[in-house]
Amino acid sequence: MQIFEYNGSALVAMVGKNCFAIASDRRLGVQLQTIATDFQRISKIHDRLFLGLSGLATDAQTLYQRLVFRHKLYQLREERDMKPETFASLVSAILYEKRFGPYFCQPVIAGLGDEDKPFICTMDSIGAKELAKDFVVAGTASESLYGACESMFKENMEPEELFETVSQALLASVDRDCLSGWGGHVYVV
């Protein structure tokens, strides 16, 4: 078992018409043993930007604290919130500077940029970004999430339809992965 699979996780972000959804499972485990069923993987950076962290839970919490600190410094210096593209570059840089002893995390970033244009991206543990126009996935359930999202995704979904689509894709996928599950958290912005 790889270190990325130690706690188990499922994360997905999907784009709609001037909106996005980000969802995760709720299970925290130690290999196959379930420790908690209310674990929060998705964090709100500001009203239009969310961050999901899959992978090793302790590294995810440490990385989240560093990112919140850096975002608050940016807010003090610039007197505005970070754009999603800027935040993705910040996450990538922080991960890359630890490339020889990396954080064992796969971040998923979702936000609304200028003129309510949705932005989603994911990256590996050393900060290599993967941008997408439709959806991104991460975690131990990523293989089944790819299949579910590809079969259910449609262009220009309204927020209600997007919520239903991402919820069904997440639930269908975690049923096929024993390291994730116990329902989910879904945020639509």
C-alpha atoms as a PDB file:
ATOM      1  CA  MET A   1       0.000   0.000   0.000  1.00  0.00           C
ATOM      2  CA  GLN A   2       1.354   3.409  -0.980  1.00  0.00           C
ATOM      3  CA  ILE A   3       1.518   6.275   1.503  1.00  0.00           C
ATOM      4  CA  PHE A   4      -1.088   8.177  -0.582  1.00  0.00           C
ATOM      5  CA  GLU A   5      -3.559   5.340   0.090  1.00  0.00           C
ATOM      6  CA  TYR A   6      -2.919   5.165   3.841  1.00  0.00           C
ATOM      7  CA  ASN A   7      -5.947   7.287   4.848  1.00  0.00           C
ATOM      8  CA  GLY A   8      -8.069   6.844   1.691  1.00  0.00           C
ATOM      9  CA  SER A   9      -9.928   9.661  -0.051  1.00  0.00           C
ATOM     10  CA  ALA A  10     -12.103  10.711  -2.967  1.00  0.00           C
ATOM     11  CA  LEU A  11     -12.140  14.264  -4.345  1.00  0.00           C
ATOM     12  CA  VAL A  12     -13.805  15.699  -7.441  1.00  0.00           C
ATOM     13  CA  ALA A  13     -14.303  19.215  -8.813  1.00  0.00           C
ATOM     14  CA  MET A  14     -16.621  19.879 -11.743  1.00  0.00           C
ATOM     15  CA  VAL A  15     -17.448  22.952 -13.822  1.00  0.00           C
ATOM     16  CA  GLY A  16     -20.916  24.254 -14.682  1.00  0.00           C
ATOM     17  CA  LYS A  17     -22.324  27.404 -16.261  1.00  0.00           C
ATOM     18  CA  ASN A  18     -20.649  30.244 -14.295  1.00  0.00           C
ATOM     19  CA  CYS A  19     -20.368  27.903 -11.295  1.00  0.00           C
ATOM     20  CA  PHE A  20     -18.372  24.976  -9.973  1.00  0.00           C
ATOM     21  CA  ALA A  21     -18.835  22.128  -7.522  1.00  0.00           C
ATOM     22  CA  ILE A  22     -16.247  20.442  -5.343  1.00  0.00           C
ATOM     23  CA  ALA A  23     -17.011  17.257  -3.427  1.00  0.00           C
ATOM     24  CA  SER A  24     -15.236  14.767  -1.179  1.00  0.00           C
ATOM     25  CA  ASP A  25     -15.980  11.681   0.850  1.00  0.00           C
ATOM     26  CA  ARG A  26     -16.149  11.748   4.663  1.00  0.00           C
ATOM     27  CA  ARG A  27     -14.133   8.660   5.670  1.00  0.00           C
ATOM     28  CA  LEU A  28     -10.803   8.858   7.483  1.00  0.00           C
ATOM     29  CA  GLY A  29      -9.110   5.515   7.841  1.00  0.00           C
ATOM     30  CA  VAL A  30      -5.842   3.877   8.710  1.00  0.00           C
ATOM     31  CA  GLN A  31      -5.472   1.445   5.839  1.00  0.00           C
ATOM     32  CA  LEU A  32      -8.673  -0.648   5.982  1.00  0.00           C
ATOM     33  CA  GLN A  33      -9.747   0.424   9.483  1.00  0.00           C
ATOM     34  CA  THR A  34     -12.191   3.350   9.663  1.00  0.00           C
ATOM     35  CA  ILE A  35     -11.241   5.957  12.271  1.00  0.00           C
ATOM     36  CA  ALA A  36     -13.777   8.731  11.602  1.00  0.00           C
ATOM     37  CA  THR A  37     -16.817   9.213   9.392  1.00  0.00           C
ATOM     38  CA  ASP A  38     -16.986  13.020   9.431  1.00  0.00           C
ATOM     39  CA  PHE A  39     -13.540  14.031   8.144  1.00  0.00           C
ATOM     40  CA  GLN A  40     -13.395  17.350   6.275  1.00  0.00           C
ATOM     41  CA  ARG A  41     -11.129  17.324   3.191  1.00  0.00           C
ATOM     42  CA  ILE A  42     -12.436  20.516   1.579  1.00  0.00           C
ATOM     43  CA  SER A  43     -11.542  23.922   2.977  1.00  0.00           C
ATOM     44  CA  LYS A  44     -12.806  27.384   2.116  1.00  0.00           C
ATOM     45  CA  ILE A  45      -9.973  29.790   1.355  1.00  0.00           C
ATOM     46  CA  HIS A  46     -12.383  32.653   0.619  1.00  0.00           C
ATOM     47  CA  ASP A  47     -15.953  32.987  -0.711  1.00  0.00           C
ATOM     48  CA  ARG A  48     -14.988  32.120  -4.299  1.00  0.00           C
ATOM     49  CA  LEU A  49     -12.111  29.677  -3.739  1.00  0.00           C
ATOM     50  CA  PHE A  50     -12.050  26.168  -2.259  1.00  0.00           C
ATOM     51  CA  LEU A  51      -9.226  23.707  -1.711  1.00  0.00           C
ATOM     52  CA  GLY A  52      -9.523  19.945  -1.373  1.00  0.00           C
ATOM     53  CA  LEU A  53      -6.586  17.868  -0.142  1.00  0.00           C
ATOM     54  CA  SER A  54      -6.437  14.110  -0.642  1.00  0.00           C
ATOM     55  CA  GLY A  55      -3.595  11.906   0.511  1.00  0.00           C
ATOM     56  CA  LEU A  56      -1.960  11.583   3.920  1.00  0.00           C
ATOM     57  CA  ALA A  57      -4.222  13.406   6.396  1.00  0.00           C
ATOM     58  CA  THR A  58      -1.431  14.813   8.573  1.00  0.00           C
ATOM     59  CA  ASP A  59       0.388  16.271   5.570  1.00  0.00           C
ATOM     60  CA  ALA A  60      -2.911  17.676   4.261  1.00  0.00           C
ATOM     61  CA  GLN A  61      -3.531  19.507   7.539  1.00  0.00           C
ATOM     62  CA  THR A  62       0.020  20.878   7.642  1.00  0.00           C
ATOM     63  CA  LEU A  63      -0.127  22.031   4.023  1.00  0.00           C
ATOM     64  CA  TYR A  64      -3.530  23.648   4.612  1.00  0.00           C
ATOM     65  CA  GLN A  65      -2.152  25.665   7.555  1.00  0.00           C
ATOM     66  CA  ARG A  66       0.768  26.916   5.446  1.00  0.00           C
ATOM     67  CA  LEU A  67      -1.565  27.888   2.585  1.00  0.00           C
ATOM     68  CA  VAL A  68      -3.950  29.791   4.871  1.00  0.00           C
ATOM     69  CA  PHE A  69      -0.974  31.652   6.349  1.00  0.00           C
ATOM     70  CA  ARG A  70       0.311  32.595   2.888  1.00  0.00           C
ATOM     71  CA  HIS A  71      -3.163  33.682   1.740  1.00  0.00           C
ATOM     72  CA  LYS A  72      -3.591  35.927   4.787  1.00  0.00           C
ATOM     73  CA  LEU A  73      -0.213  37.538   4.087  1.00  0.00           C
ATOM     74  CA  TYR A  74      -1.330  38.144   0.501  1.00  0.00           C
ATOM     75  CA  GLN A  75      -4.580  39.723   1.737  1.00  0.00           C
ATOM     76  CA  LEU A  76      -2.654  42.074   4.047  1.00  0.00           C
ATOM     77  CA  ARG A  77      -0.177  43.091   1.372  1.00  0.00           C
ATOM     78  CA  GLU A  78      -2.530  43.347  -1.646  1.00  0.00           C
ATOM     79  CA  GLU A  79      -5.789  44.234   0.166  1.00  0.00           C
ATOM     80  CA  ARG A  80      -7.764  41.754  -1.955  1.00  0.00           C
ATOM     81  CA  ASP A  81      -8.411  38.020  -2.216  1.00  0.00           C
ATOM     82  CA  MET A  82      -6.246  35.766  -4.328  1.00  0.00           C
ATOM     83  CA  LYS A  83      -7.488  34.742  -7.760  1.00  0.00           C
ATOM     84  CA  PRO A  84      -7.784  30.971  -8.264  1.00  0.00           C
ATOM     85  CA  GLU A  85      -4.980  30.940 -10.846  1.00  0.00           C
ATOM     86  CA  THR A  86      -2.652  32.777  -8.445  1.00  0.00           C
ATOM     87  CA  PHE A  87      -3.565  30.427  -5.601  1.00  0.00           C
ATOM     88  CA  ALA A  88      -2.849  27.403  -7.823  1.00  0.00           C
ATOM     89  CA  SER A  89       0.598  28.805  -8.587  1.00  0.00           C
ATOM     90  CA  LEU A  90       1.197  29.368  -4.854  1.00  0.00           C
ATOM     91  CA  VAL A  91       0.231  25.765  -4.036  1.00  0.00           C
ATOM     92  CA  SER A  92       2.437  24.488  -6.855  1.00  0.00           C
ATOM     93  CA  ALA A  93       5.420  26.523  -5.630  1.00  0.00           C
ATOM     94  CA  ILE A  94       5.003  25.370  -2.013  1.00  0.00           C
ATOM     95  CA  LEU A  95       4.798  21.737  -3.112  1.00  0.00           C
ATOM     96  CA  TYR A  96       7.781  22.065  -5.445  1.00  0.00           C
ATOM     97  CA  GLU A  97      10.027  23.588  -2.792  1.00  0.00           C
ATOM     98  CA  LYS A  98       9.468  20.402  -0.733  1.00  0.00           C
ATOM     99  CA  ARG A  99      10.067  18.042  -3.689  1.00  0.00           C
ATOM    100  CA  PHE A 100      12.836  16.041  -1.969  1.00  0.00           C
ATOM    101  CA  GLY A 101      10.685  15.400   1.110  1.00  0.00           C
ATOM    102  CA  PRO A 102       7.216  16.070  -0.300  1.00  0.00           C
ATOM    103  CA  TYR A 103       3.857  16.569   1.305  1.00  0.00           C
ATOM    104  CA  PHE A 104       2.003  13.378   0.407  1.00  0.00           C
ATOM    105  CA  CYS A 105      -1.045  15.279  -0.872  1.00  0.00           C
ATOM    106  CA  GLN A 106      -2.914  15.762  -4.111  1.00  0.00           C
ATOM    107  CA  PRO A 107      -4.580  19.189  -4.010  1.00  0.00           C
ATOM    108  CA  VAL A 108      -7.751  20.003  -5.943  1.00  0.00           C
ATOM    109  CA  ILE A 109      -8.375  23.725  -6.391  1.00  0.00           C
ATOM    110  CA  ALA A 110     -11.711  25.148  -7.523  1.00  0.00           C
ATOM    111  CA  GLY A 111     -12.681  28.779  -7.743  1.00  0.00           C
ATOM    112  CA  LEU A 112     -14.432  31.528  -9.650  1.00  0.00           C
ATOM    113  CA  GLY A 113     -12.192  33.993 -11.423  1.00  0.00           C
ATOM    114  CA  ASP A 114     -12.944  37.208 -13.255  1.00  0.00           C
ATOM    115  CA  GLU A 115     -16.484  37.504 -14.686  1.00  0.00           C
ATOM    116  CA  ASP A 116     -17.512  34.329 -12.797  1.00  0.00           C
ATOM    117  CA  LYS A 117     -15.340  32.110 -14.993  1.00  0.00           C
ATOM    118  CA  PRO A 118     -14.847  28.780 -13.183  1.00  0.00           C
ATOM    119  CA  PHE A 119     -11.304  27.494 -12.653  1.00  0.00           C
ATOM    120  CA  ILE A 120     -10.400  23.972 -11.556  1.00  0.00           C
ATOM    121  CA  CYS A 121      -7.069  22.222 -11.343  1.00  0.00           C
ATOM    122  CA  THR A 122      -5.292  19.449  -9.529  1.00  0.00           C
ATOM    123  CA  MET A 123      -1.634  18.653  -9.074  1.00  0.00           C
ATOM    124  CA  ASP A 124       0.652  15.897  -7.912  1.00  0.00           C
ATOM    125  CA  SER A 125       2.734  15.921  -4.733  1.00  0.00           C
ATOM    126  CA  ILE A 126       5.533  17.982  -6.304  1.00  0.00           C
ATOM    127  CA  GLY A 127       3.286  20.669  -7.769  1.00  0.00           C
ATOM    128  CA  ALA A 128       2.853  19.679 -11.423  1.00  0.00           C
ATOM    129  CA  LYS A 129      -0.465  21.308 -12.364  1.00  0.00           C
ATOM    130  CA  GLU A 130      -3.180  19.616 -14.379  1.00  0.00           C
ATOM    131  CA  LEU A 131      -5.730  22.139 -15.648  1.00  0.00           C
ATOM    132  CA  ALA A 132      -9.096  21.004 -16.983  1.00  0.00           C
ATOM    133  CA  LYS A 133     -12.175  22.527 -18.579  1.00  0.00           C
ATOM    134  CA  ASP A 134     -14.659  19.902 -17.310  1.00  0.00           C
ATOM    135  CA  PHE A 135     -13.641  18.049 -14.127  1.00  0.00           C
ATOM    136  CA  VAL A 136     -10.645  16.944 -12.061  1.00  0.00           C
ATOM    137  CA  VAL A 137     -10.356  14.058  -9.590  1.00  0.00           C
ATOM    138  CA  ALA A 138      -7.924  12.932  -6.893  1.00  0.00           C
ATOM    139  CA  GLY A 139      -7.610  10.265  -4.231  1.00  0.00           C
ATOM    140  CA  THR A 140      -7.846   6.499  -3.989  1.00  0.00           C
ATOM    141  CA  ALA A 141     -11.196   6.470  -5.813  1.00  0.00           C
ATOM    142  CA  SER A 142      -9.843   8.478  -8.764  1.00  0.00           C
ATOM    143  CA  GLU A 143     -10.119   5.638 -11.296  1.00  0.00           C
ATOM    144  CA  SER A 144     -13.807   5.084 -10.673  1.00  0.00           C
ATOM    145  CA  LEU A 145     -14.378   8.862 -10.387  1.00  0.00           C
ATOM    146  CA  TYR A 146     -12.948   9.354 -13.890  1.00  0.00           C
ATOM    147  CA  GLY A 147     -15.394   6.833 -15.308  1.00  0.00           C
ATOM    148  CA  ALA A 148     -18.418   8.185 -13.448  1.00  0.00           C
ATOM    149  CA  CYS A 149     -17.610  11.822 -14.271  1.00  0.00           C
ATOM    150  CA  GLU A 150     -16.977  11.114 -17.959  1.00  0.00           C
ATOM    151  CA  SER A 151     -20.315   9.352 -18.295  1.00  0.00           C
ATOM    152  CA  MET A 152     -22.327  11.971 -16.356  1.00  0.00           C
ATOM    153  CA  PHE A 153     -20.675  15.298 -17.281  1.00  0.00           C
ATOM    154  CA  LYS A 154     -22.468  17.748 -19.608  1.00  0.00           C
ATOM    155  CA  GLU A 155     -21.456  21.242 -20.710  1.00  0.00           C
ATOM    156  CA  ASN A 156     -23.037  24.356 -19.131  1.00  0.00           C
ATOM    157  CA  MET A 157     -24.938  22.709 -16.267  1.00  0.00           C
ATOM    158  CA  GLU A 158     -26.958  24.934 -13.955  1.00  0.00           C
ATOM    159  CA  PRO A 159     -26.062  24.787 -10.209  1.00  0.00           C
ATOM    160  CA  GLU A 160     -28.895  22.374  -9.283  1.00  0.00           C
ATOM    161  CA  GLU A 161     -28.029  19.925 -12.062  1.00  0.00           C
ATOM    162  CA  LEU A 162     -24.308  20.253 -11.276  1.00  0.00           C
ATOM    163  CA  PHE A 163     -24.964  19.420  -7.615  1.00  0.00           C
ATOM    164  CA  GLU A 164     -26.919  16.302  -8.584  1.00  0.00           C
ATOM    165  CA  THR A 165     -24.316  15.183 -11.130  1.00  0.00           C
ATOM    166  CA  VAL A 166     -21.286  15.586  -8.862  1.00  0.00           C
ATOM    167  CA  SER A 167     -23.130  13.950  -5.942  1.00  0.00           C
ATOM    168  CA  GLN A 168     -24.133  10.912  -7.993  1.00  0.00           C
ATOM    169  CA  ALA A 169     -20.637  10.582  -9.487  1.00  0.00           C
ATOM    170  CA  LEU A 170     -19.051  10.707  -6.022  1.00  0.00           C
ATOM    171  CA  LEU A 171     -21.443   8.212  -4.455  1.00  0.00           C
ATOM    172  CA  ALA A 172     -21.180   5.801  -7.378  1.00  0.00           C
ATOM    173  CA  SER A 173     -17.383   5.944  -7.185  1.00  0.00           C
ATOM    174  CA  VAL A 174     -16.870   5.519  -3.445  1.00  0.00           C
ATOM    175  CA  ASP A 175     -19.040   2.386  -3.581  1.00  0.00           C
ATOM    176  CA  ARG A 176     -16.269   0.856  -5.716  1.00  0.00           C
ATOM    177  CA  ASP A 177     -13.394   1.847  -3.414  1.00  0.00           C
ATOM    178  CA  CYS A 178     -13.023   0.320   0.046  1.00  0.00           C
ATOM    179  CA  LEU A 179     -10.675   3.108   1.260  1.00  0.00           C
ATOM    180  CA  SER A 180     -13.211   5.926   0.822  1.00  0.00           C
ATOM    181  CA  GLY A 181     -16.878   6.417   1.490  1.00  0.00           C
ATOM    182  CA  TRP A 182     -19.328   7.217   4.270  1.00  0.00           C
ATOM    183  CA  GLY A 183     -21.230   9.803   2.229  1.00  0.00           C
ATOM    184  CA  GLY A 184     -19.850  13.095   1.078  1.00  0.00           C
ATOM    185  CA  HIS A 185     -19.539  16.850   1.346  1.00  0.00           C
ATOM    186  CA  VAL A 186     -20.531  18.889  -1.724  1.00  0.00           C
ATOM    187  CA  TYR A 187     -20.000  22.634  -2.217  1.00  0.00           C
ATOM    188  CA  VAL A 188     -21.532  24.483  -5.172  1.00  0.00           C
ATOM    189  CA  VAL A 189     -20.469  28.086  -5.846  1.00  0.00           C
END
